[in-house]
PDB file of N, CA and C in Angstrom:
ATOM      1  N   UNK A   1      64.597   6.750 -51.996  1.00  0.00           N
ATOM      2  CA  UNK A   1      63.311   6.702 -52.250  1.00  0.00           C
ATOM      3  C   UNK A   1      62.972   5.524 -52.923  1.00  0.00           C
ATOM      4  N   UNK A   2      61.760   4.870 -52.497  1.00  0.00           N
ATOM      5  CA  UNK A   2      61.640   3.560 -52.952  1.00  0.00           C
ATOM      6  C   UNK A   2      60.055   3.780 -53.314  1.00  0.00           C
ATOM      7  N   UNK A   3      59.577   2.874 -54.256  1.00  0.00           N
ATOM      8  CA  UNK A   3      58.298   2.597 -54.433  1.00  0.00           C
ATOM      9  C   UNK A   3      57.365   2.375 -53.185  1.00  0.00           C
ATOM     10  N   UNK A   4      57.834   1.655 -52.424  1.00  0.00           N
ATOM     11  CA  UNK A   4      56.972   1.353 -51.106  1.00  0.00           C
ATOM     12  C   UNK A   4      56.918   2.567 -50.340  1.00  0.00           C
ATOM     13  N   UNK A   5      57.737   3.385 -50.307  1.00  0.00           N
ATOM     14  CA  UNK A   5      57.843   4.720 -49.292  1.00  0.00           C
ATOM     15  C   UNK A   5      56.681   5.749 -50.036  1.00  0.00           C
ATOM     16  N   UNK A   6      56.807   5.712 -51.236  1.00  0.00           N
ATOM     17  CA  UNK A   6      55.878   6.699 -51.984  1.00  0.00           C
ATOM     18  C   UNK A   6      54.504   6.158 -51.735  1.00  0.00           C
ATOM     19  N   UNK A   7      54.516   4.932 -52.081  1.00  0.00           N
ATOM     20  CA  UNK A   7      52.863   4.427 -52.000  1.00  0.00           C
ATOM     21  C   UNK A   7      52.387   4.510 -50.385  1.00  0.00           C
ATOM     22  N   UNK A   8      53.278   4.389 -49.619  1.00  0.00           N
ATOM     23  CA  UNK A   8      52.880   4.559 -48.146  1.00  0.00           C
ATOM     24  C   UNK A   8      52.293   6.104 -48.026  1.00  0.00           C
ATOM     25  N   UNK A   9      53.266   6.899 -48.478  1.00  0.00           N
ATOM     26  CA  UNK A   9      52.779   8.369 -48.342  1.00  0.00           C
ATOM     27  C   UNK A   9      51.489   8.451 -49.072  1.00  0.00           C
ATOM     28  N   UNK A  10      51.405   8.052 -50.259  1.00  0.00           N
ATOM     29  CA  UNK A  10      50.087   8.241 -51.001  1.00  0.00           C
ATOM     30  C   UNK A  10      48.835   7.544 -50.320  1.00  0.00           C
ATOM     31  N   UNK A  11      48.881   6.587 -49.494  1.00  0.00           N
ATOM     32  CA  UNK A  11      47.931   6.024 -48.788  1.00  0.00           C
ATOM     33  C   UNK A  11      47.280   6.988 -47.720  1.00  0.00           C
ATOM     34  N   UNK A  12      47.976   8.111 -47.416  1.00  0.00           N
ATOM     35  CA  UNK A  12      47.383   8.988 -46.560  1.00  0.00           C
ATOM     36  C   UNK A  12      46.413  10.084 -47.119  1.00  0.00           C
ATOM     37  N   UNK A  13      46.278  10.005 -48.616  1.00  0.00           N
ATOM     38  CA  UNK A  13      45.484  10.777 -49.569  1.00  0.00           C
ATOM     39  C   UNK A  13      44.144  10.154 -49.827  1.00  0.00           C
ATOM     40  N   UNK A  14      43.025  10.849 -49.583  1.00  0.00           N
ATOM     41  CA  UNK A  14      41.617  10.281 -50.021  1.00  0.00           C
ATOM     42  C   UNK A  14      41.135  11.140 -50.933  1.00  0.00           C
ATOM     43  N   UNK A  15      40.398  10.481 -52.237  1.00  0.00           N
ATOM     44  CA  UNK A  15      39.750  11.297 -53.034  1.00  0.00           C
ATOM     45  C   UNK A  15      38.384  11.405 -52.354  1.00  0.00           C
ATOM     46  N   UNK A  16      37.974  12.803 -52.489  1.00  0.00           N
ATOM     47  CA  UNK A  16      36.463  13.208 -52.200  1.00  0.00           C
ATOM     48  C   UNK A  16      35.564  12.221 -52.657  1.00  0.00           C
ATOM     49  N   UNK A  17      34.584  11.790 -51.874  1.00  0.00           N
ATOM     50  CA  UNK A  17      33.621  10.853 -52.252  1.00  0.00           C
ATOM     51  C   UNK A  17      33.860   9.434 -52.137  1.00  0.00           C
ATOM     52  N   UNK A  18      35.069   9.234 -51.887  1.00  0.00           N
ATOM     53  CA  UNK A  18      35.810   7.636 -51.793  1.00  0.00           C
ATOM     54  C   UNK A  18      36.096   7.368 -50.433  1.00  0.00           C
ATOM     55  N   UNK A  19      35.664   6.379 -49.865  1.00  0.00           N
ATOM     56  CA  UNK A  19      36.215   5.871 -48.532  1.00  0.00           C
ATOM     57  C   UNK A  19      37.513   5.267 -48.314  1.00  0.00           C
ATOM     58  N   UNK A  20      37.967   5.015 -49.611  1.00  0.00           N
ATOM     59  CA  UNK A  20      39.313   4.381 -49.569  1.00  0.00           C
ATOM     60  C   UNK A  20      40.355   5.449 -50.020  1.00  0.00           C
ATOM     61  N   UNK A  21      41.604   5.165 -49.646  1.00  0.00           N
ATOM     62  CA  UNK A  21      42.636   5.871 -49.924  1.00  0.00           C
ATOM     63  C   UNK A  21      42.838   5.763 -51.462  1.00  0.00           C
ATOM     64  N   UNK A  22      43.677   6.697 -52.174  1.00  0.00           N
ATOM     65  CA  UNK A  22      43.941   6.763 -53.757  1.00  0.00           C
ATOM     66  C   UNK A  22      44.700   5.551 -53.971  1.00  0.00           C
ATOM     67  N   UNK A  23      45.653   4.939 -53.269  1.00  0.00           N
ATOM     68  CA  UNK A  23      46.249   3.831 -53.613  1.00  0.00           C
ATOM     69  C   UNK A  23      45.239   2.458 -53.719  1.00  0.00           C
ATOM     70  N   UNK A  24      44.686   2.303 -52.608  1.00  0.00           N
ATOM     71  CA  UNK A  24      43.736   1.168 -52.317  1.00  0.00           C
ATOM     72  C   UNK A  24      42.501   1.252 -53.353  1.00  0.00           C
ATOM     73  N   UNK A  25      42.126   2.485 -53.771  1.00  0.00           N
ATOM     74  CA  UNK A  25      41.063   2.627 -54.647  1.00  0.00           C
ATOM     75  C   UNK A  25      41.607   2.401 -56.236  1.00  0.00           C
ATOM     76  N   UNK A  26      42.825   2.250 -56.347  1.00  0.00           N
ATOM     77  CA  UNK A  26      43.415   2.111 -57.539  1.00  0.00           C
ATOM     78  C   UNK A  26      43.359   3.324 -58.726  1.00  0.00           C
ATOM     79  N   UNK A  27      43.317   4.541 -57.895  1.00  0.00           N
ATOM     80  CA  UNK A  27      43.486   5.582 -58.552  1.00  0.00           C
ATOM     81  C   UNK A  27      45.013   6.063 -58.993  1.00  0.00           C
ATOM     82  N   UNK A  28      45.906   5.437 -58.270  1.00  0.00           N
ATOM     83  CA  UNK A  28      47.316   5.690 -58.689  1.00  0.00           C
ATOM     84  C   UNK A  28      47.974   4.652 -59.602  1.00  0.00           C
ATOM     85  N   UNK A  29      48.332   5.050 -60.613  1.00  0.00           N
ATOM     86  CA  UNK A  29      48.807   4.315 -61.684  1.00  0.00           C
ATOM     87  C   UNK A  29      50.102   4.673 -62.164  1.00  0.00           C
ATOM     88  N   UNK A  30      50.903   3.841 -62.904  1.00  0.00           N
ATOM     89  CA  UNK A  30      52.189   4.096 -63.611  1.00  0.00           C
ATOM     90  C   UNK A  30      53.155   4.844 -62.863  1.00  0.00           C
ATOM     91  N   UNK A  31      53.428   4.559 -61.513  1.00  0.00           N
ATOM     92  CA  UNK A  31      54.404   5.024 -60.721  1.00  0.00           C
ATOM     93  C   UNK A  31      55.879   4.697 -61.084  1.00  0.00           C
ATOM     94  N   UNK A  32      56.470   5.807 -61.248  1.00  0.00           N
ATOM     95  CA  UNK A  32      57.816   5.591 -61.790  1.00  0.00           C
ATOM     96  C   UNK A  32      58.891   6.588 -60.824  1.00  0.00           C
ATOM     97  N   UNK A  33      59.905   6.035 -60.521  1.00  0.00           N
ATOM     98  CA  UNK A  33      61.051   6.746 -59.560  1.00  0.00           C
ATOM     99  C   UNK A  33      62.219   6.514 -60.166  1.00  0.00           C
ATOM    100  N   UNK A  34      62.873   7.613 -60.162  1.00  0.00           N
ATOM    101  CA  UNK A  34      64.285   7.855 -60.855  1.00  0.00           C
ATOM    102  C   UNK A  34      65.022   8.835 -59.879  1.00  0.00           C
ATOM    103  N   UNK A  35      65.855   8.310 -59.013  1.00  0.00           N
ATOM    104  CA  UNK A  35      66.634   9.172 -57.885  1.00  0.00           C
ATOM    105  C   UNK A  35      65.665  10.169 -57.522  1.00  0.00           C
ATOM    106  N   UNK A  36      65.540  11.468 -57.737  1.00  0.00           N
ATOM    107  CA  UNK A  36      64.694  12.511 -56.888  1.00  0.00           C
ATOM    108  C   UNK A  36      63.530  12.779 -57.975  1.00  0.00           C
ATOM    109  N   UNK A  37      63.164  12.216 -59.021  1.00  0.00           N
ATOM    110  CA  UNK A  37      62.107  12.206 -59.814  1.00  0.00           C
ATOM    111  C   UNK A  37      61.109  11.236 -59.671  1.00  0.00           C
ATOM    112  N   UNK A  38      59.914  11.605 -59.431  1.00  0.00           N
ATOM    113  CA  UNK A  38      58.726  10.632 -59.248  1.00  0.00           C
ATOM    114  C   UNK A  38      57.669  11.198 -60.090  1.00  0.00           C
ATOM    115  N   UNK A  39      57.102  10.423 -60.931  1.00  0.00           N
ATOM    116  CA  UNK A  39      55.941  10.667 -61.754  1.00  0.00           C
ATOM    117  C   UNK A  39      54.862   9.437 -61.500  1.00  0.00           C
ATOM    118  N   UNK A  40      53.868   9.860 -61.868  1.00  0.00           N
ATOM    119  CA  UNK A  40      52.569   8.941 -61.564  1.00  0.00           C
ATOM    120  C   UNK A  40      51.298   9.621 -62.252  1.00  0.00           C
ATOM    121  N   UNK A  41      50.261   8.766 -62.559  1.00  0.00           N
ATOM    122  CA  UNK A  41      49.085   9.093 -63.214  1.00  0.00           C
ATOM    123  C   UNK A  41      47.878   8.946 -61.987  1.00  0.00           C
ATOM    124  N   UNK A  42      46.950   9.738 -62.002  1.00  0.00           N
ATOM    125  CA  UNK A  42      45.716   9.553 -61.145  1.00  0.00           C
ATOM    126  C   UNK A  42      44.600   9.271 -61.965  1.00  0.00           C
ATOM    127  N   UNK A  43      43.878   8.221 -61.863  1.00  0.00           N
ATOM    128  CA  UNK A  43      42.850   7.977 -62.743  1.00  0.00           C
ATOM    129  C   UNK A  43      41.442   8.467 -62.044  1.00  0.00           C
ATOM    130  N   UNK A  44      41.085   9.357 -62.602  1.00  0.00           N
ATOM    131  CA  UNK A  44      39.836   9.938 -62.047  1.00  0.00           C
ATOM    132  C   UNK A  44      38.608  10.000 -63.011  1.00  0.00           C
ATOM    133  N   UNK A  45      37.388  10.085 -62.295  1.00  0.00           N
ATOM    134  CA  UNK A  45      36.091  10.029 -63.148  1.00  0.00           C
ATOM    135  C   UNK A  45      35.575  11.491 -63.138  1.00  0.00           C
ATOM    136  N   UNK A  46      36.139  12.521 -62.919  1.00  0.00           N
ATOM    137  CA  UNK A  46      35.816  13.959 -62.986  1.00  0.00           C
ATOM    138  C   UNK A  46      36.599  14.832 -63.728  1.00  0.00           C
ATOM    139  N   UNK A  47      36.104  15.991 -64.321  1.00  0.00           N
ATOM    140  CA  UNK A  47      36.848  16.884 -65.144  1.00  0.00           C
ATOM    141  C   UNK A  47      36.597  18.203 -64.040  1.00  0.00           C
ATOM    142  N   UNK A  48      36.285  18.130 -62.952  1.00  0.00           N
ATOM    143  CA  UNK A  48      36.386  19.177 -62.076  1.00  0.00           C
ATOM    144  C   UNK A  48      37.778  19.700 -61.735  1.00  0.00           C
ATOM    145  N   UNK A  49      38.096  20.761 -62.247  1.00  0.00           N
ATOM    146  CA  UNK A  49      39.643  21.268 -62.110  1.00  0.00           C
ATOM    147  C   UNK A  49      40.070  21.476 -60.799  1.00  0.00           C
ATOM    148  N   UNK A  50      39.179  21.941 -59.897  1.00  0.00           N
ATOM    149  CA  UNK A  50      39.368  22.197 -58.388  1.00  0.00           C
ATOM    150  C   UNK A  50      39.622  20.944 -57.800  1.00  0.00           C
ATOM    151  N   UNK A  51      38.760  19.954 -58.051  1.00  0.00           N
ATOM    152  CA  UNK A  51      39.004  18.724 -57.396  1.00  0.00           C
ATOM    153  C   UNK A  51      40.222  17.939 -57.639  1.00  0.00           C
ATOM    154  N   UNK A  52      40.527  18.044 -59.019  1.00  0.00           N
ATOM    155  CA  UNK A  52      41.942  17.625 -59.511  1.00  0.00           C
ATOM    156  C   UNK A  52      43.209  18.173 -58.737  1.00  0.00           C
ATOM    157  N   UNK A  53      43.011  19.508 -58.755  1.00  0.00           N
ATOM    158  CA  UNK A  53      44.077  20.239 -58.212  1.00  0.00           C
ATOM    159  C   UNK A  53      44.267  20.047 -56.732  1.00  0.00           C
ATOM    160  N   UNK A  54      43.006  19.876 -56.122  1.00  0.00           N
ATOM    161  CA  UNK A  54      43.386  19.369 -54.640  1.00  0.00           C
ATOM    162  C   UNK A  54      43.910  18.185 -54.586  1.00  0.00           C
ATOM    163  N   UNK A  55      43.388  17.152 -55.149  1.00  0.00           N
ATOM    164  CA  UNK A  55      43.940  15.755 -55.358  1.00  0.00           C
ATOM    165  C   UNK A  55      45.605  15.829 -55.483  1.00  0.00           C
ATOM    166  N   UNK A  56      45.896  16.564 -56.537  1.00  0.00           N
ATOM    167  CA  UNK A  56      47.376  16.487 -57.007  1.00  0.00           C
ATOM    168  C   UNK A  56      48.170  17.145 -56.052  1.00  0.00           C
ATOM    169  N   UNK A  57      47.650  18.345 -55.409  1.00  0.00           N
ATOM    170  CA  UNK A  57      48.477  19.162 -54.325  1.00  0.00           C
ATOM    171  C   UNK A  57      48.495  18.177 -53.060  1.00  0.00           C
ATOM    172  N   UNK A  58      47.475  17.387 -52.645  1.00  0.00           N
ATOM    173  CA  UNK A  58      47.629  16.734 -51.374  1.00  0.00           C
ATOM    174  C   UNK A  58      48.479  15.546 -51.778  1.00  0.00           C
ATOM    175  N   UNK A  59      48.530  14.936 -52.916  1.00  0.00           N
ATOM    176  CA  UNK A  59      49.435  13.841 -53.281  1.00  0.00           C
ATOM    177  C   UNK A  59      51.000  14.368 -53.065  1.00  0.00           C
ATOM    178  N   UNK A  60      51.309  15.527 -53.800  1.00  0.00           N
ATOM    179  CA  UNK A  60      52.659  15.975 -53.599  1.00  0.00           C
ATOM    180  C   UNK A  60      52.959  16.471 -52.363  1.00  0.00           C
ATOM    181  N   UNK A  61      52.194  17.111 -51.523  1.00  0.00           N
ATOM    182  CA  UNK A  61      52.386  17.295 -50.189  1.00  0.00           C
ATOM    183  C   UNK A  61      52.706  16.025 -49.357  1.00  0.00           C
ATOM    184  N   UNK A  62      52.111  15.076 -49.531  1.00  0.00           N
ATOM    185  CA  UNK A  62      52.342  13.755 -48.725  1.00  0.00           C
ATOM    186  C   UNK A  62      53.588  13.150 -49.156  1.00  0.00           C
ATOM    187  N   UNK A  63      53.978  13.400 -50.489  1.00  0.00           N
ATOM    188  CA  UNK A  63      55.338  12.786 -50.720  1.00  0.00           C
ATOM    189  C   UNK A  63      56.367  13.610 -50.302  1.00  0.00           C
ATOM    190  N   UNK A  64      56.313  14.890 -50.320  1.00  0.00           N
ATOM    191  CA  UNK A  64      57.462  15.983 -49.807  1.00  0.00           C
ATOM    192  C   UNK A  64      57.422  15.749 -48.321  1.00  0.00           C
ATOM    193  N   UNK A  65      56.439  15.550 -47.405  1.00  0.00           N
ATOM    194  CA  UNK A  65      56.561  15.447 -46.098  1.00  0.00           C
ATOM    195  C   UNK A  65      57.118  14.240 -45.654  1.00  0.00           C
ATOM    196  N   UNK A  66      56.662  13.222 -46.331  1.00  0.00           N
ATOM    197  CA  UNK A  66      56.653  11.952 -45.751  1.00  0.00           C
ATOM    198  C   UNK A  66      57.923  11.037 -46.518  1.00  0.00           C
ATOM    199  N   UNK A  67      58.354  11.187 -47.589  1.00  0.00           N
ATOM    200  CA  UNK A  67      59.394  10.693 -48.387  1.00  0.00           C
ATOM    201  C   UNK A  67      60.634  11.652 -48.630  1.00  0.00           C
ATOM    202  N   UNK A  68      60.557  12.762 -49.401  1.00  0.00           N
ATOM    203  CA  UNK A  68      61.680  13.507 -49.584  1.00  0.00           C
ATOM    204  C   UNK A  68      61.160  14.923 -50.050  1.00  0.00           C
ATOM    205  N   UNK A  69      61.557  15.896 -49.274  1.00  0.00           N
ATOM    206  CA  UNK A  69      61.185  17.389 -49.487  1.00  0.00           C
ATOM    207  C   UNK A  69      61.829  17.677 -50.854  1.00  0.00           C
ATOM    208  N   UNK A  70      62.831  17.378 -51.465  1.00  0.00           N
ATOM    209  CA  UNK A  70      63.492  17.829 -52.426  1.00  0.00           C
ATOM    210  C   UNK A  70      63.114  16.978 -53.750  1.00  0.00           C
ATOM    211  N   UNK A  71      62.036  16.276 -53.615  1.00  0.00           N
ATOM    212  CA  UNK A  71      61.712  15.134 -54.650  1.00  0.00           C
ATOM    213  C   UNK A  71      60.966  16.044 -55.960  1.00  0.00           C
ATOM    214  N   UNK A  72      61.050  15.746 -57.043  1.00  0.00           N
ATOM    215  CA  UNK A  72      60.564  16.481 -58.253  1.00  0.00           C
ATOM    216  C   UNK A  72      59.425  15.647 -58.627  1.00  0.00           C
ATOM    217  N   UNK A  73      58.238  16.113 -58.584  1.00  0.00           N
ATOM    218  CA  UNK A  73      57.106  15.344 -58.620  1.00  0.00           C
ATOM    219  C   UNK A  73      56.178  15.537 -59.712  1.00  0.00           C
ATOM    220  N   UNK A  74      55.876  14.808 -60.787  1.00  0.00           N
ATOM    221  CA  UNK A  74      54.959  15.094 -61.801  1.00  0.00           C
ATOM    222  C   UNK A  74      53.873  14.104 -61.782  1.00  0.00           C
ATOM    223  N   UNK A  75      52.531  14.796 -61.799  1.00  0.00           N
ATOM    224  CA  UNK A  75      51.397  14.200 -61.609  1.00  0.00           C
ATOM    225  C   UNK A  75      50.452  14.304 -62.931  1.00  0.00           C
ATOM    226  N   UNK A  76      50.179  13.188 -63.571  1.00  0.00           N
ATOM    227  CA  UNK A  76      49.296  13.579 -64.744  1.00  0.00           C
ATOM    228  C   UNK A  76      47.938  13.025 -64.472  1.00  0.00           C
ATOM    229  N   UNK A  77      46.955  13.254 -64.970  1.00  0.00           N
ATOM    230  CA  UNK A  77      45.503  12.875 -64.780  1.00  0.00           C
ATOM    231  C   UNK A  77      44.967  12.279 -66.019  1.00  0.00           C
ATOM    232  N   UNK A  78      44.317  11.006 -65.829  1.00  0.00           N
ATOM    233  CA  UNK A  78      43.769  10.259 -66.984  1.00  0.00           C
ATOM    234  C   UNK A  78      42.307  10.020 -66.467  1.00  0.00           C
ATOM    235  N   UNK A  79      41.294  10.172 -67.467  1.00  0.00           N
ATOM    236  CA  UNK A  79      40.112   9.950 -67.360  1.00  0.00           C
ATOM    237  C   UNK A  79      39.637   8.329 -66.946  1.00  0.00           C
ATOM    238  N   UNK A  80      38.957   8.042 -65.927  1.00  0.00           N
ATOM    239  CA  UNK A  80      38.594   6.429 -65.822  1.00  0.00           C
ATOM    240  C   UNK A  80      37.882   6.047 -67.132  1.00  0.00           C
ATOM    241  N   UNK A  81      38.536   4.993 -67.571  1.00  0.00           N
ATOM    242  CA  UNK A  81      37.815   4.416 -68.745  1.00  0.00           C
ATOM    243  C   UNK A  81      36.288   3.974 -68.623  1.00  0.00           C
ATOM    244  N   UNK A  82      35.704   4.149 -69.529  1.00  0.00           N
ATOM    245  CA  UNK A  82      34.136   3.965 -69.758  1.00  0.00           C
ATOM    246  C   UNK A  82      34.054   2.165 -69.763  1.00  0.00           C
ATOM    247  N   UNK A  83      33.201   1.766 -69.082  1.00  0.00           N
ATOM    248  CA  UNK A  83      32.788   0.373 -69.253  1.00  0.00           C
ATOM    249  C   UNK A  83      32.463   0.032 -70.605  1.00  0.00           C
ATOM    250  N   UNK A  84      32.989  -1.158 -71.178  1.00  0.00           N
ATOM    251  CA  UNK A  84      32.761  -1.256 -72.554  1.00  0.00           C
ATOM    252  C   UNK A  84      31.434  -2.263 -72.318  1.00  0.00           C
ATOM    253  N   UNK A  85      30.514  -2.082 -73.397  1.00  0.00           N
ATOM    254  CA  UNK A  85      29.472  -2.644 -73.701  1.00  0.00           C
ATOM    255  C   UNK A  85      29.579  -4.112 -74.088  1.00  0.00           C
ATOM    256  N   UNK A  86      28.461  -4.970 -73.600  1.00  0.00           N
ATOM    257  CA  UNK A  86      28.553  -6.444 -73.981  1.00  0.00           C
ATOM    258  C   UNK A  86      27.941  -6.613 -75.388  1.00  0.00           C
ATOM    259  N   UNK A  87      27.198  -5.666 -75.456  1.00  0.00           N
ATOM    260  CA  UNK A  87      26.498  -5.600 -77.023  1.00  0.00           C
ATOM    261  C   UNK A  87      27.489  -5.378 -78.028  1.00  0.00           C
ATOM    262  N   UNK A  88      27.403  -6.385 -78.942  1.00  0.00           N
ATOM    263  CA  UNK A  88      28.216  -6.204 -80.207  1.00  0.00           C
ATOM    264  C   UNK A  88      27.233  -6.632 -81.463  1.00  0.00           C
ATOM    265  N   UNK A  89      27.357  -5.853 -82.325  1.00  0.00           N
ATOM    266  CA  UNK A  89      26.529  -6.199 -83.509  1.00  0.00           C
ATOM    267  C   UNK A  89      27.439  -6.245 -84.930  1.00  0.00           C
ATOM    268  N   UNK A  90      27.082  -7.286 -85.573  1.00  0.00           N
ATOM    269  CA  UNK A  90      27.787  -7.530 -86.892  1.00  0.00           C
ATOM    270  C   UNK A  90      27.590  -6.111 -87.771  1.00  0.00           C
ATOM    271  N   UNK A  91      28.774  -5.730 -88.251  1.00  0.00           N
ATOM    272  CA  UNK A  91      28.888  -4.553 -88.906  1.00  0.00           C
ATOM    273  C   UNK A  91      27.946  -4.569 -90.188  1.00  0.00           C
ATOM    274  N   UNK A  92      27.723  -5.763 -90.906  1.00  0.00           N
ATOM    275  CA  UNK A  92      26.952  -5.878 -92.313  1.00  0.00           C
ATOM    276  C   UNK A  92      25.484  -6.490 -91.824  1.00  0.00           C
ATOM    277  N   UNK A  93      25.264  -6.721 -90.628  1.00  0.00           N
ATOM    278  CA  UNK A  93      23.919  -7.458 -90.489  1.00  0.00           C
ATOM    279  C   UNK A  93      22.828  -6.126 -90.410  1.00  0.00           C
ATOM    280  N   UNK A  94      21.646  -6.286 -90.836  1.00  0.00           N
ATOM    281  CA  UNK A  94      20.537  -5.195 -90.725  1.00  0.00           C
ATOM    282  C   UNK A  94      20.214  -5.166 -89.383  1.00  0.00           C
ATOM    283  N   UNK A  95      19.804  -3.805 -89.242  1.00  0.00           N
ATOM    284  CA  UNK A  95      19.166  -3.462 -87.968  1.00  0.00           C
ATOM    285  C   UNK A  95      17.783  -4.077 -87.830  1.00  0.00           C
ATOM    286  N   UNK A  96      17.791  -4.574 -86.434  1.00  0.00           N
ATOM    287  CA  UNK A  96      16.171  -5.379 -86.376  1.00  0.00           C
ATOM    288  C   UNK A  96      15.316  -4.299 -86.198  1.00  0.00           C
ATOM    289  N   UNK A  97      14.035  -4.501 -86.917  1.00  0.00           N
ATOM    290  CA  UNK A  97      12.865  -3.553 -86.845  1.00  0.00           C
ATOM    291  C   UNK A  97      13.120  -2.317 -87.887  1.00  0.00           C
ATOM    292  N   UNK A  98      14.113  -2.388 -88.653  1.00  0.00           N
ATOM    293  CA  UNK A  98      14.311  -1.042 -89.621  1.00  0.00           C
ATOM    294  C   UNK A  98      14.129  -1.667 -90.964  1.00  0.00           C
ATOM    295  N   UNK A  99      13.012  -0.938 -91.668  1.00  0.00           N
ATOM    296  CA  UNK A  99      12.802  -1.537 -93.101  1.00  0.00           C
ATOM    297  C   UNK A  99      13.611  -0.919 -94.079  1.00  0.00           C
ATOM    298  N   UNK A 100      13.973   0.377 -93.821  1.00  0.00           N
ATOM    299  CA  UNK A 100      14.874   1.176 -95.002  1.00  0.00           C
ATOM    300  C   UNK A 100      15.959   1.718 -94.539  1.00  0.00           C
TER     301      UNK A 100
END
């Protein structure tokens, strides 16, 4: 099992509402392979348990069918990071427009 084979299998999985596969969309992160053990994280922007379960099961199915049916696969979920704001305020500066 190689990283390339696993990524190739995961390219057949699509996230609902996204026209790209989960690899091209950057949803697959932290892919690790050791003998028959494969682990990776899926970065998603939903807490919908059904959608997460479907995505996970499709990813596992793709790997087992296309790479190795005996693979032990661990899939973790992470929430998509919230975009950082560009607004920063000095902690000691008074708030504009506030008198007291």
